[in-house]
Amino acid sequence: MSIVEKIPESVRIIGKTYDIVLSPKASMPNEYGLCDSERQRIHVMVDASNATIIDTLLHECLHAIDFSIHLELTERQVHATASGLAALFLDNPDLVNLFKEAICGRVGKSGTRKGT
C-alpha cells in the first residue's frame, strides 16, 4: 500500500471534520497543498515524495488549527512547524509508534481510504 492510499479520507481538527482531497500536480501546479477552512477541505498534491506529502499534510492541518483557534500564525511559522514535526516523526519511528499505541489503545484503529 502506498502512502497516498494510507491518507485518511478526513481528519478531525478541533471539533471539525476536514475532508482530505488528493489532487494531481496538474490541478495544483503552483502549490503542494491548500487548506479551505470555509469548506473544511484540505487539498494535498500527491505527485511528490512521501516526505513532501507528509510535510504538506501537516502544514495544511496546522493552517486548520490556526484558523480554528485564531493563532494568527505567519506562513513562515506554519512552514517551520510542519517541517519540524515531519522531520521529528520521520526520524523517530519509535516515538510515532508510542503515540500510535497510546492513541489506538484508547480509541481504536482509524480508517484509511477505501477503494484507492
Protein backbone atom coordinates (compact mmCIF):
# COMPACT_ATOMS: atom_id res chain seq x y z
CA MET A 1 0.00 0.00 0.00
CA SER A 2 1.44 3.38 -0.99
CA ILE A 3 1.50 6.36 1.33
CA VAL A 4 -1.23 8.03 -0.72
CA GLU A 5 -3.54 5.06 -0.12
CA LYS A 6 -2.94 5.42 3.62
CA ILE A 7 -4.04 9.05 3.78
CA PRO A 8 -7.41 9.13 5.55
CA GLU A 9 -10.45 10.50 3.76
CA SER A 10 -10.87 13.09 6.51
CA VAL A 11 -9.34 14.40 9.73
CA ARG A 12 -10.94 15.87 12.84
CA ILE A 13 -9.41 19.20 13.83
CA ILE A 14 -10.71 20.99 16.91
CA GLY A 15 -14.21 19.58 16.57
CA LYS A 16 -14.50 19.97 12.79
CA THR A 17 -14.16 17.34 10.10
CA TYR A 18 -11.93 18.32 7.20
CA ASP A 19 -12.17 16.21 4.04
CA ILE A 20 -8.79 15.43 2.51
CA VAL A 21 -8.79 15.89 -1.26
CA LEU A 22 -5.96 14.21 -3.16
CA SER A 23 -5.02 16.23 -6.21
CA PRO A 24 -2.65 15.63 -9.13
CA LYS A 25 0.02 18.20 -9.88
CA ALA A 26 -1.92 19.38 -12.94
CA SER A 27 -4.70 20.71 -10.71
CA MET A 28 -2.25 22.35 -8.27
CA PRO A 29 0.69 23.45 -10.41
CA ASN A 30 1.94 26.16 -8.04
CA GLU A 31 1.47 24.61 -4.61
CA TYR A 32 1.71 21.35 -2.70
CA GLY A 33 -1.42 21.89 -0.62
CA LEU A 34 -4.26 24.16 0.37
CA CYS A 35 -6.48 24.45 3.44
CA ASP A 36 -10.00 25.67 2.70
CA SER A 37 -11.34 26.39 6.18
CA GLU A 38 -14.73 27.61 4.92
CA ARG A 39 -15.47 24.34 3.09
CA GLN A 40 -13.46 22.32 5.62
CA ARG A 41 -11.26 20.72 2.96
CA ILE A 42 -7.56 20.05 2.86
CA HIS A 43 -6.11 19.59 -0.62
CA VAL A 44 -2.84 17.68 -0.97
CA MET A 45 -0.87 17.36 -4.21
CA VAL A 46 0.08 13.70 -4.41
CA ASP A 47 2.69 13.83 -7.19
CA ALA A 48 5.53 14.33 -4.72
CA SER A 49 7.86 12.36 -2.47
CA ASN A 50 6.45 10.68 0.64
CA ALA A 51 8.28 13.16 2.87
CA THR A 52 6.80 16.11 0.94
CA ILE A 53 3.29 14.66 1.12
CA ILE A 54 3.60 14.17 4.91
CA ASP A 55 5.05 17.66 5.36
CA THR A 56 2.24 19.15 3.25
CA LEU A 57 -0.49 17.31 5.12
CA LEU A 58 0.91 18.51 8.46
CA HIS A 59 1.28 22.04 7.05
CA GLU A 60 -2.34 22.21 5.94
CA CYS A 61 -3.58 20.68 9.22
CA LEU A 62 -1.66 23.42 11.06
CA HIS A 63 -3.46 26.04 8.95
CA ALA A 64 -6.79 24.45 10.02
CA ILE A 65 -5.71 24.55 13.68
CA ASP A 66 -4.57 28.14 13.27
CA PHE A 67 -7.90 29.11 11.71
CA SER A 68 -9.92 27.32 14.40
CA ILE A 69 -8.22 28.85 17.42
CA HIS A 70 -7.16 32.17 15.89
CA LEU A 71 -3.43 31.86 16.48
CA GLU A 72 -2.67 34.15 13.54
CA LEU A 73 0.48 32.23 12.62
CA THR A 74 2.51 33.53 9.72
CA GLU A 75 3.13 31.30 6.72
CA ARG A 76 6.75 31.05 7.86
CA GLN A 77 5.69 29.80 11.30
CA VAL A 78 3.32 27.22 9.80
CA HIS A 79 6.00 26.06 7.36
CA ALA A 80 8.69 25.77 10.03
CA THR A 81 6.44 23.97 12.50
CA ALA A 82 5.14 21.48 9.90
CA SER A 83 8.64 20.77 8.60
CA GLY A 84 9.93 20.32 12.15
CA LEU A 85 7.13 17.93 13.07
CA ALA A 86 7.51 15.98 9.82
CA ALA A 87 11.24 15.58 10.45
CA LEU A 88 10.60 14.57 14.07
CA PHE A 89 8.12 11.88 13.02
CA LEU A 90 10.14 10.60 10.06
CA ASP A 91 13.39 10.46 12.06
CA ASN A 92 11.85 8.87 15.16
CA PRO A 93 9.54 5.99 14.25
CA ASP A 94 9.69 4.66 17.83
CA LEU A 95 8.19 7.93 19.06
CA VAL A 96 5.44 7.69 16.43
CA ASN A 97 4.78 4.09 17.50
CA LEU A 98 4.48 5.26 21.10
CA PHE A 99 1.87 7.87 20.10
CA LYS A 100 0.06 5.32 17.94
CA GLU A 101 0.00 2.74 20.73
CA ALA A 102 -1.30 5.28 23.24
CA ILE A 103 -3.99 6.52 20.84
CA CYS A 104 -5.07 3.12 19.49
CA GLY A 105 -5.15 1.68 22.98
CA ARG A 106 -7.72 4.31 23.92
CA VAL A 107 -9.83 4.92 20.83
CA GLY A 108 -9.24 2.02 18.44
CA LYS A 109 -7.99 1.97 14.88
CA SER A 110 -8.54 4.81 12.49
CA GLY A 111 -9.72 4.21 8.95
CA THR A 112 -7.81 4.58 5.73
CA ARG A 113 -9.01 5.35 2.24
CA LYS A 114 -11.39 2.85 0.77
CA GLY A 115 -11.01 1.75 -2.83
CA THR A 116 -7.75 3.57 -3.58
